[in-house]
Each structure stands twice: as structure tokens, then as C-alpha cells.
Amino acid sequence: MMGKINWKQKLTSRKFWAAVTGFVTAILMVFKVDEMTIEQVIAIISASSVLIAYIIGEGLVDAARVQTQDNSTDQD
């Protein structure tokens, strides 16, 4: 039986985004999409992956900060 997918971990993984990029590139090549369009699509995927990883990373940092503040408030 398979467990739940940890989407936070997947979306911040370079390996995941490399796999997505490779898959999309192969699909575009099969459909004989021109090289310039493939490069543009890959650039969009790469930029999106960086942005998504940053947003999730900052969210995790903010959540940890709030948790730390809550714990220090509880101890006072």
C-alpha cells in the first residue's frame, strides 16, 4: 500500500523538476515542436520551479518562526 505523497517535499526537489523538464521536453520533441518553443517552455518550467520552491521554503520558515514564538510564549 502506498502512503500519502509529500507534495511540499516533491515541489522543492530539484530531482522532481529535472524529471518534469525531461518529460515535457520528450513530449514536445515527439510532437515535433520547434526548438525555440521547447526552450521557452523549459525556461518557464525552470522559473516556475524556482518560484514554487522559494514560496514553499519561505512558508516553512515562517511556520517554524511562529511555532518558536508560540513555544516561548507558553513558557513565560
N, C-alpha and C. Protein backbone atom coordinates (compact mmCIF):
# COMPACT_ATOMS: atom_id res chain seq x y z
N MET A 1 0.84 -1.18 0.00
CA MET A 1 0.00 0.00 0.00
C MET A 1 0.89 1.25 0.00
N MET A 2 0.55 2.20 -0.83
CA MET A 2 1.35 3.43 -0.93
C MET A 2 0.86 4.47 0.07
N GLY A 3 1.82 5.21 0.62
CA GLY A 3 1.49 6.28 1.56
C GLY A 3 1.11 7.55 0.83
N LYS A 4 0.80 8.57 1.61
CA LYS A 4 0.48 9.87 1.02
C LYS A 4 1.73 10.50 0.42
N ILE A 5 1.53 11.24 -0.63
CA ILE A 5 2.64 11.95 -1.28
C ILE A 5 2.90 13.24 -0.51
N ASN A 6 4.16 13.48 -0.18
CA ASN A 6 4.55 14.72 0.50
C ASN A 6 4.82 15.77 -0.59
N TRP A 7 3.78 16.54 -0.94
CA TRP A 7 3.90 17.50 -2.05
C TRP A 7 4.87 18.62 -1.75
N LYS A 8 5.00 19.03 -0.50
CA LYS A 8 5.98 20.06 -0.16
C LYS A 8 7.38 19.59 -0.52
N GLN A 9 7.67 18.35 -0.17
CA GLN A 9 9.00 17.80 -0.47
C GLN A 9 9.19 17.64 -1.97
N LYS A 10 8.18 17.15 -2.66
CA LYS A 10 8.29 16.94 -4.12
C LYS A 10 8.51 18.27 -4.84
N LEU A 11 7.70 19.27 -4.50
CA LEU A 11 7.76 20.54 -5.22
C LEU A 11 9.02 21.34 -4.95
N THR A 12 9.74 21.00 -3.91
CA THR A 12 11.00 21.68 -3.63
C THR A 12 12.21 20.83 -4.05
N SER A 13 11.95 19.69 -4.67
CA SER A 13 13.02 18.78 -5.07
C SER A 13 13.55 19.11 -6.47
N ARG A 14 14.86 19.28 -6.58
CA ARG A 14 15.47 19.52 -7.90
C ARG A 14 15.32 18.30 -8.79
N LYS A 15 15.37 17.11 -8.20
CA LYS A 15 15.21 15.88 -8.98
C LYS A 15 13.82 15.82 -9.61
N PHE A 16 12.80 16.22 -8.86
CA PHE A 16 11.43 16.24 -9.37
C PHE A 16 11.33 17.17 -10.57
N TRP A 17 11.87 18.38 -10.44
CA TRP A 17 11.77 19.35 -11.53
C TRP A 17 12.62 18.93 -12.73
N ALA A 18 13.73 18.26 -12.49
CA ALA A 18 14.52 17.74 -13.61
C ALA A 18 13.73 16.67 -14.35
N ALA A 19 13.01 15.83 -13.61
CA ALA A 19 12.18 14.80 -14.24
C ALA A 19 11.04 15.43 -15.04
N VAL A 20 10.40 16.45 -14.48
CA VAL A 20 9.32 17.15 -15.19
C VAL A 20 9.86 17.77 -16.47
N THR A 21 11.00 18.43 -16.37
CA THR A 21 11.61 19.07 -17.54
C THR A 21 11.95 18.04 -18.62
N GLY A 22 12.54 16.94 -18.21
CA GLY A 22 12.87 15.89 -19.16
C GLY A 22 11.64 15.30 -19.83
N PHE A 23 10.60 15.08 -19.06
CA PHE A 23 9.36 14.52 -19.60
C PHE A 23 8.72 15.47 -20.60
N VAL A 24 8.60 16.74 -20.21
CA VAL A 24 7.99 17.73 -21.10
C VAL A 24 8.81 17.89 -22.38
N THR A 25 10.13 17.93 -22.25
CA THR A 25 10.99 18.04 -23.43
C THR A 25 10.76 16.88 -24.38
N ALA A 26 10.72 15.67 -23.85
CA ALA A 26 10.50 14.49 -24.69
C ALA A 26 9.15 14.55 -25.40
N ILE A 27 8.11 14.95 -24.67
CA ILE A 27 6.77 15.04 -25.26
C ILE A 27 6.76 16.08 -26.38
N LEU A 28 7.36 17.24 -26.13
CA LEU A 28 7.39 18.28 -27.15
C LEU A 28 8.17 17.84 -28.39
N MET A 29 9.24 17.08 -28.18
CA MET A 29 10.01 16.58 -29.32
C MET A 29 9.22 15.55 -30.13
N VAL A 30 8.46 14.70 -29.45
CA VAL A 30 7.63 13.71 -30.15
C VAL A 30 6.63 14.40 -31.07
N PHE A 31 6.08 15.53 -30.60
CA PHE A 31 5.10 16.26 -31.40
C PHE A 31 5.75 17.27 -32.35
N LYS A 32 7.08 17.14 -32.50
CA LYS A 32 7.84 17.95 -33.46
C LYS A 32 7.65 19.46 -33.27
N VAL A 33 7.63 19.87 -32.00
CA VAL A 33 7.56 21.29 -31.66
C VAL A 33 8.94 21.89 -31.97
N ASP A 34 8.96 23.12 -32.49
CA ASP A 34 10.24 23.71 -32.86
C ASP A 34 11.11 23.98 -31.63
N GLU A 35 12.42 24.01 -31.88
CA GLU A 35 13.40 24.11 -30.80
C GLU A 35 13.24 25.36 -29.94
N MET A 36 12.93 26.49 -30.57
CA MET A 36 12.77 27.74 -29.82
C MET A 36 11.60 27.64 -28.84
N THR A 37 10.52 27.04 -29.27
CA THR A 37 9.36 26.88 -28.38
C THR A 37 9.69 25.94 -27.23
N ILE A 38 10.42 24.86 -27.51
CA ILE A 38 10.83 23.94 -26.45
C ILE A 38 11.68 24.68 -25.42
N GLU A 39 12.62 25.48 -25.89
CA GLU A 39 13.48 26.24 -24.97
C GLU A 39 12.66 27.20 -24.11
N GLN A 40 11.67 27.83 -24.71
CA GLN A 40 10.82 28.75 -23.96
C GLN A 40 9.99 28.02 -22.91
N VAL A 41 9.45 26.87 -23.27
CA VAL A 41 8.65 26.08 -22.31
C VAL A 41 9.53 25.62 -21.15
N ILE A 42 10.74 25.15 -21.46
CA ILE A 42 11.65 24.70 -20.41
C ILE A 42 12.06 25.87 -19.51
N ALA A 43 12.26 27.03 -20.09
CA ALA A 43 12.59 28.22 -19.28
C ALA A 43 11.45 28.55 -18.33
N ILE A 44 10.22 28.44 -18.80
CA ILE A 44 9.05 28.71 -17.94
C ILE A 44 8.97 27.68 -16.82
N ILE A 45 9.19 26.41 -17.14
CA ILE A 45 9.16 25.37 -16.11
C ILE A 45 10.26 25.63 -15.08
N SER A 46 11.46 25.96 -15.54
CA SER A 46 12.57 26.21 -14.62
C SER A 46 12.29 27.40 -13.71
N ALA A 47 11.81 28.49 -14.29
CA ALA A 47 11.50 29.68 -13.49
C ALA A 47 10.39 29.38 -12.49
N SER A 48 9.39 28.64 -12.92
CA SER A 48 8.28 28.29 -12.03
C SER A 48 8.75 27.42 -10.88
N SER A 49 9.65 26.47 -11.17
CA SER A 49 10.13 25.59 -10.11
C SER A 49 10.89 26.36 -9.04
N VAL A 50 11.70 27.33 -9.48
CA VAL A 50 12.43 28.16 -8.51
C VAL A 50 11.45 28.96 -7.65
N LEU A 51 10.46 29.55 -8.28
CA LEU A 51 9.47 30.35 -7.55
C LEU A 51 8.68 29.49 -6.57
N ILE A 52 8.24 28.32 -7.01
CA ILE A 52 7.46 27.43 -6.13
C ILE A 52 8.31 26.99 -4.95
N ALA A 53 9.55 26.59 -5.21
CA ALA A 53 10.44 26.17 -4.11
C ALA A 53 10.67 27.31 -3.12
N TYR A 54 10.85 28.52 -3.63
CA TYR A 54 11.06 29.68 -2.76
C TYR A 54 9.83 29.93 -1.88
N ILE A 55 8.66 29.92 -2.49
CA ILE A 55 7.42 30.18 -1.75
C ILE A 55 7.21 29.14 -0.66
N ILE A 56 7.38 27.87 -1.00
CA ILE A 56 7.21 26.81 -0.01
C ILE A 56 8.27 26.92 1.08
N GLY A 57 9.50 27.16 0.68
CA GLY A 57 10.58 27.31 1.67
C GLY A 57 10.33 28.45 2.64
N GLU A 58 9.91 29.59 2.12
CA GLU A 58 9.60 30.73 2.99
C GLU A 58 8.41 30.44 3.90
N GLY A 59 7.45 29.72 3.38
CA GLY A 59 6.29 29.33 4.20
C GLY A 59 6.71 28.45 5.35
N LEU A 60 7.61 27.51 5.09
CA LEU A 60 8.10 26.63 6.15
C LEU A 60 8.90 27.40 7.19
N VAL A 61 9.72 28.36 6.73
CA VAL A 61 10.49 29.19 7.66
C VAL A 61 9.55 30.03 8.52
N ASP A 62 8.54 30.62 7.91
CA ASP A 62 7.57 31.43 8.66
C ASP A 62 6.81 30.57 9.67
N ALA A 63 6.41 29.36 9.26
CA ALA A 63 5.69 28.47 10.18
C ALA A 63 6.57 28.08 11.36
N ALA A 64 7.85 27.82 11.11
CA ALA A 64 8.78 27.47 12.18
C ALA A 64 8.96 28.65 13.14
N ARG A 65 9.02 29.87 12.58
CA ARG A 65 9.18 31.07 13.41
C ARG A 65 7.96 31.25 14.32
N VAL A 66 6.77 31.06 13.77
CA VAL A 66 5.55 31.19 14.57
C VAL A 66 5.53 30.13 15.66
N GLN A 67 5.91 28.90 15.30
CA GLN A 67 5.94 27.81 16.28
C GLN A 67 6.91 28.13 17.41
N THR A 68 8.07 28.66 17.07
CA THR A 68 9.07 29.02 18.07
C THR A 68 8.55 30.13 18.98
N GLN A 69 7.89 31.12 18.40
CA GLN A 69 7.33 32.22 19.19
C GLN A 69 6.22 31.70 20.11
N ASP A 70 5.38 30.79 19.61
CA ASP A 70 4.31 30.22 20.43
C ASP A 70 4.88 29.44 21.60
N ASN A 71 5.94 28.67 21.34
CA ASN A 71 6.56 27.88 22.41
C ASN A 71 7.19 28.78 23.46
N SER A 72 7.82 29.88 23.04
CA SER A 72 8.44 30.75 24.02
C SER A 72 7.39 31.52 24.81
N THR A 73 6.25 31.82 24.21
CA THR A 73 5.15 32.49 24.91
C THR A 73 4.51 31.57 25.93
N ASP A 74 4.39 30.29 25.59
CA ASP A 74 3.80 29.31 26.50
C ASP A 74 4.66 29.10 27.74
N GLN A 75 5.97 29.29 27.62
CA GLN A 75 6.87 29.06 28.73
C GLN A 75 6.96 30.24 29.67
N ASP A 76 6.49 31.41 29.25
CA ASP A 76 6.57 32.61 30.09
C ASP A 76 5.53 32.63 31.18
